[in-house]
N, C-alpha and C. Protein backbone atom coordinates (compact mmCIF):
# COMPACT_ATOMS: atom_id res chain seq x y z
N PRO A 1 204.88 126.50 79.37
CA PRO A 1 204.63 125.24 79.21
C PRO A 1 203.37 125.16 78.52
N PRO A 2 203.39 123.78 77.45
CA PRO A 2 201.64 123.93 76.95
C PRO A 2 200.73 123.85 77.88
N PRO A 3 199.41 124.67 77.34
CA PRO A 3 197.74 124.35 78.59
C PRO A 3 197.67 122.78 78.66
N ALA A 4 197.13 123.13 80.00
CA ALA A 4 197.21 121.51 80.22
C ALA A 4 195.52 121.11 79.28
N THR A 5 195.72 119.73 79.30
CA THR A 5 194.34 119.53 78.20
C THR A 5 193.16 118.69 79.04
N ILE A 6 192.57 118.33 78.97
CA ILE A 6 191.88 117.45 79.53
C ILE A 6 191.13 116.32 78.26
N ASP A 7 190.83 114.59 78.75
CA ASP A 7 190.28 113.84 77.83
C ASP A 7 189.12 113.72 77.80
N VAL A 8 188.79 113.60 76.52
CA VAL A 8 187.15 114.18 76.27
C VAL A 8 186.84 112.08 75.13
N LYS A 9 185.87 111.96 75.73
CA LYS A 9 185.11 110.80 74.84
C LYS A 9 183.68 110.78 74.41
N ILE A 10 183.21 110.88 73.20
CA ILE A 10 181.80 111.24 72.86
C ILE A 10 181.42 110.23 72.19
N ALA A 11 180.53 109.29 72.62
CA ALA A 11 179.62 108.54 71.50
C ALA A 11 178.28 108.53 71.51
N SER A 12 178.05 108.51 70.22
CA SER A 12 175.78 109.00 70.36
C SER A 12 175.51 107.12 69.75
N THR A 13 174.13 107.51 69.90
CA THR A 13 173.54 106.33 69.30
C THR A 13 172.22 107.13 68.50
N PRO A 14 172.22 106.81 67.10
CA PRO A 14 173.93 105.91 66.35
C PRO A 14 174.75 106.57 66.28
N SER A 15 176.05 105.47 66.14
CA SER A 15 177.66 105.93 66.11
C SER A 15 177.23 106.70 64.70
N GLY A 16 178.23 107.44 64.51
CA GLY A 16 178.56 107.63 63.07
C GLY A 16 178.48 109.12 62.96
N ALA A 17 177.75 110.03 63.63
CA ALA A 17 177.76 111.30 63.80
C ALA A 17 178.47 112.29 63.58
N THR A 18 178.58 113.54 63.40
CA THR A 18 179.84 114.40 62.79
C THR A 18 179.36 115.49 64.14
N LEU A 19 180.64 115.67 64.46
CA LEU A 19 180.52 116.59 65.69
C LEU A 19 181.06 118.35 65.34
N LEU A 20 180.44 119.19 65.73
CA LEU A 20 180.64 120.53 64.96
C LEU A 20 180.56 121.66 66.36
N ARG A 21 182.36 122.47 66.24
CA ARG A 21 182.25 123.14 67.54
C ARG A 21 182.23 124.55 66.20
N ASP A 22 181.60 125.43 67.03
CA ASP A 22 181.53 126.57 65.92
C ASP A 22 181.23 126.31 64.81
N GLY A 23 180.45 125.54 64.17
CA GLY A 23 179.99 125.39 63.05
C GLY A 23 181.03 124.70 62.14
N LYS A 24 182.01 124.15 62.80
CA LYS A 24 183.21 123.59 62.22
C LYS A 24 182.95 122.25 62.55
N PRO A 25 183.65 121.07 61.94
CA PRO A 25 183.91 119.85 61.92
C PRO A 25 185.01 119.70 62.86
N PHE A 26 184.66 118.71 64.02
CA PHE A 26 185.41 118.61 65.24
C PHE A 26 185.55 117.46 65.44
N GLY A 27 185.31 116.33 64.66
CA GLY A 27 185.23 114.77 64.95
C GLY A 27 184.12 113.93 64.21
N LYS A 28 184.52 112.92 64.46
CA LYS A 28 183.32 111.83 64.77
C LYS A 28 182.70 111.14 65.71
N THR A 29 181.58 110.57 65.81
CA THR A 29 181.52 109.46 67.28
C THR A 29 181.34 107.91 66.71
N PRO A 30 182.17 107.71 67.41
CA PRO A 30 182.64 107.71 68.81
C PRO A 30 183.60 108.35 68.51
N PHE A 31 183.74 109.30 69.68
CA PHE A 31 185.12 110.56 69.33
C PHE A 31 185.95 110.47 71.00
N THR A 32 187.35 110.32 70.42
CA THR A 32 188.24 110.05 71.31
C THR A 32 189.21 111.39 71.29
N GLY A 33 189.37 112.16 71.67
CA GLY A 33 190.43 113.28 71.93
C GLY A 33 190.55 114.32 73.02
N THR A 34 191.32 115.73 72.71
CA THR A 34 191.53 116.43 74.46
C THR A 34 190.49 117.57 73.99
N LEU A 35 190.62 118.39 74.86
CA LEU A 35 190.27 119.78 74.80
C LEU A 35 191.17 120.67 75.99
N PRO A 36 191.45 121.83 75.36
CA PRO A 36 192.44 122.56 76.62
C PRO A 36 191.47 123.09 77.94
N GLN A 37 191.69 122.38 79.05
CA GLN A 37 191.51 122.50 80.75
C GLN A 37 191.09 124.13 80.65
N GLY A 38 189.99 124.04 81.18
CA GLY A 38 189.10 125.51 81.51
C GLY A 38 189.18 126.47 80.19
N ASP A 39 188.47 125.37 79.75
CA ASP A 39 188.19 126.59 77.98
C ASP A 39 186.79 127.17 78.34
N GLY A 40 186.58 127.21 79.37
CA GLY A 40 184.94 127.50 79.08
C GLY A 40 183.97 126.74 78.74
N GLU A 41 182.88 127.18 78.52
CA GLU A 41 181.87 125.85 77.99
C GLU A 41 181.61 125.43 76.23
N VAL A 42 181.91 124.97 76.33
CA VAL A 42 182.31 124.38 74.48
C VAL A 42 180.87 123.23 74.19
N THR A 43 180.36 123.89 73.25
CA THR A 43 178.85 123.89 72.73
C THR A 43 179.30 123.11 71.42
N LEU A 44 178.88 121.80 71.52
CA LEU A 44 178.88 121.04 70.26
C LEU A 44 177.75 120.82 69.41
N VAL A 45 177.72 120.35 68.21
CA VAL A 45 176.27 120.30 67.67
C VAL A 45 176.65 119.02 67.01
N VAL A 46 175.58 118.02 66.99
CA VAL A 46 175.88 116.21 67.09
C VAL A 46 175.11 116.34 65.67
N LYS A 47 175.04 116.23 64.30
CA LYS A 47 174.68 116.05 63.44
C LYS A 47 174.49 114.34 62.61
N LEU A 48 173.70 113.70 62.04
CA LEU A 48 173.62 112.65 61.47
C LEU A 48 172.44 112.37 60.89
N ALA A 49 172.40 112.12 59.29
CA ALA A 49 171.54 112.76 57.94
C ALA A 49 170.38 111.68 58.48
N GLY A 50 169.17 111.86 58.60
CA GLY A 50 167.62 110.82 59.10
C GLY A 50 167.46 111.13 60.83
N TYR A 51 168.44 112.07 61.56
CA TYR A 51 168.48 112.40 62.86
C TYR A 51 168.14 114.03 63.17
N LYS A 52 167.27 114.32 64.34
CA LYS A 52 167.09 115.39 64.38
C LYS A 52 168.86 115.81 65.33
N ASP A 53 169.33 116.99 65.30
CA ASP A 53 170.44 117.53 65.18
C ASP A 53 170.52 117.31 66.88
N GLY A 54 171.53 117.09 67.40
CA GLY A 54 171.86 116.89 69.27
C GLY A 54 172.51 118.04 69.57
N LYS A 55 172.58 118.63 70.63
CA LYS A 55 173.47 119.76 71.25
C LYS A 55 173.95 119.47 72.98
N MET A 56 174.96 119.26 72.54
CA MET A 56 176.17 119.07 74.21
C MET A 56 176.76 120.35 74.66
N VAL A 57 176.29 120.45 75.96
CA VAL A 57 177.42 121.59 76.57
C VAL A 57 178.41 120.87 77.09
N LEU A 58 179.83 120.87 77.00
CA LEU A 58 180.99 120.42 77.91
C LEU A 58 181.62 121.65 78.59
N ARG A 59 182.11 121.10 79.96
CA ARG A 59 182.69 122.06 81.01
C ARG A 59 183.98 121.22 80.84
N PRO A 60 185.07 121.63 80.27
CA PRO A 60 186.61 120.86 80.30
C PRO A 60 187.19 121.26 81.47
N ASP A 61 186.66 121.04 82.41
CA ASP A 61 187.64 121.09 83.80
C ASP A 61 187.82 120.07 84.96
N ALA A 62 187.46 118.72 84.28
CA ALA A 62 187.61 117.40 84.05
C ALA A 62 187.19 116.65 83.25
N PRO A 63 188.27 115.24 83.07
CA PRO A 63 187.68 114.83 81.91
C PRO A 63 186.23 114.03 81.60
N ILE A 64 186.40 114.02 80.50
CA ILE A 64 184.83 113.91 80.08
C ILE A 64 184.62 112.61 79.32
N ASP A 65 183.55 111.71 79.63
CA ASP A 65 183.40 110.27 79.26
C ASP A 65 181.95 110.65 78.55
N THR A 66 181.49 110.90 78.05
CA THR A 66 179.44 111.31 77.80
C THR A 66 178.49 110.40 76.25
N SER A 67 177.52 110.30 76.45
CA SER A 67 177.15 109.71 74.99
C SER A 67 175.16 110.67 74.95
N ILE A 68 175.23 111.20 73.84
CA ILE A 68 173.84 111.33 73.10
C ILE A 68 173.21 110.06 72.33
N LYS A 69 171.58 110.14 72.63
CA LYS A 69 171.00 109.55 71.76
C LYS A 69 170.39 110.34 71.57
N LEU A 70 170.50 110.32 69.64
CA LEU A 70 170.12 111.13 68.49
C LEU A 70 168.72 110.56 68.24
N GLU A 71 167.46 111.15 67.79
CA GLU A 71 166.49 111.29 67.69
C GLU A 71 166.06 111.09 66.78
N LYS A 72 164.99 110.03 66.07
CA LYS A 72 164.85 109.87 64.20
C LYS A 72 164.45 110.80 63.90
N LYS A 73 164.17 111.51 62.93
CA LYS A 73 163.35 112.49 62.19
C LYS A 73 161.88 112.03 61.42
N ARG A 74 160.75 112.58 62.16
CA ARG A 74 159.32 112.04 61.58
C ARG A 74 159.79 111.75 59.79
N ALA A 75 158.72 111.28 59.35
CA ALA A 75 158.93 111.55 57.50
C ALA A 75 158.00 112.48 57.55
N GLY A 76 158.08 113.34 56.22
CA GLY A 76 157.82 114.52 56.07
C GLY A 76 156.00 114.47 55.69
N GLY A 77 155.36 114.82 56.29
CA GLY A 77 153.78 115.02 56.32
C GLY A 77 152.88 114.28 56.87
N ARG A 78 151.73 114.29 57.36
CA ARG A 78 151.05 113.50 57.60
C ARG A 78 150.22 112.23 56.28
N PRO A 79 149.85 111.54 57.39
CA PRO A 79 149.77 110.42 56.59
C PRO A 79 147.69 110.64 56.61
N THR A 80 147.42 110.27 55.57
CA THR A 80 146.15 110.51 54.94
C THR A 80 145.22 109.08 55.10
N GLY A 81 145.96 108.00 55.47
CA GLY A 81 145.78 106.20 55.35
C GLY A 81 144.93 106.11 53.87
N ARG A 82 145.58 106.62 52.90
CA ARG A 82 144.92 106.22 51.59
C ARG A 82 146.67 106.46 50.68
N PRO A 83 146.83 104.79 50.16
CA PRO A 83 148.15 105.68 48.95
C PRO A 83 147.93 106.78 48.64
N ALA A 84 149.44 106.79 47.94
CA ALA A 84 149.33 108.25 46.56
C ALA A 84 148.64 108.16 45.64
N GLY A 85 148.12 109.10 44.83
CA GLY A 85 147.42 108.37 43.43
C GLY A 85 145.93 108.05 43.67
N ASP A 86 145.78 107.43 45.04
CA ASP A 86 144.41 107.14 45.47
C ASP A 86 143.31 108.02 44.87
N ASP A 87 142.75 108.09 44.13
CA ASP A 87 141.69 109.95 43.84
C ASP A 87 140.62 109.23 43.69
N ARG A 88 139.78 108.19 44.58
CA ARG A 88 138.71 107.58 44.48
C ARG A 88 137.83 108.48 44.80
N ASP A 89 136.68 108.98 44.32
CA ASP A 89 135.42 109.64 45.21
C ASP A 89 134.16 108.44 46.03
N GLU A 90 135.05 108.95 47.05
CA GLU A 90 134.14 108.33 48.16
C GLU A 90 133.22 109.02 48.63
N SER A 91 132.58 110.08 47.79
CA SER A 91 131.14 110.55 48.66
C SER A 91 129.97 110.24 47.77
N VAL A 92 130.11 109.02 46.81
CA VAL A 92 129.00 108.07 46.17
C VAL A 92 129.68 106.76 46.47
N ASN A 93 128.29 106.06 46.96
CA ASN A 93 128.26 104.67 47.25
C ASN A 93 127.18 104.60 46.48
N PRO A 94 127.86 103.57 45.36
CA PRO A 94 126.73 102.70 44.67
C PRO A 94 125.68 101.27 45.17
N PHE A 95 126.68 100.98 46.57
CA PHE A 95 126.09 99.98 47.10
C PHE A 95 124.95 100.61 48.15
N ALA A 96 124.72 101.67 48.27
CA ALA A 96 123.84 102.05 49.26
C ALA A 96 122.34 101.88 49.11
N TYR A 97 121.49 101.70 49.99
CA TYR A 97 119.94 101.26 49.35
C TYR A 97 118.70 102.66 49.21
């Protein structure tokens, strides 16, 4: 007989993230599929451009219906308070008495 499988539903916020299992594409969210029952722990990495990678550890011993909220990546660098290209010398104040 074929091995027993369990139903798996995975959603992400935002949707459209790629699910990776052992570094290989497993599907996209929202995902509906199956895993072999009793397959031990299954680790999935959830990737979406502009967001930090998420990680899920599933235990396929019962149907799974889960979701993950991805955290936005911060823009690179720290803000300086001045626009780029603003090279004024603030050490001289011509209006000081």
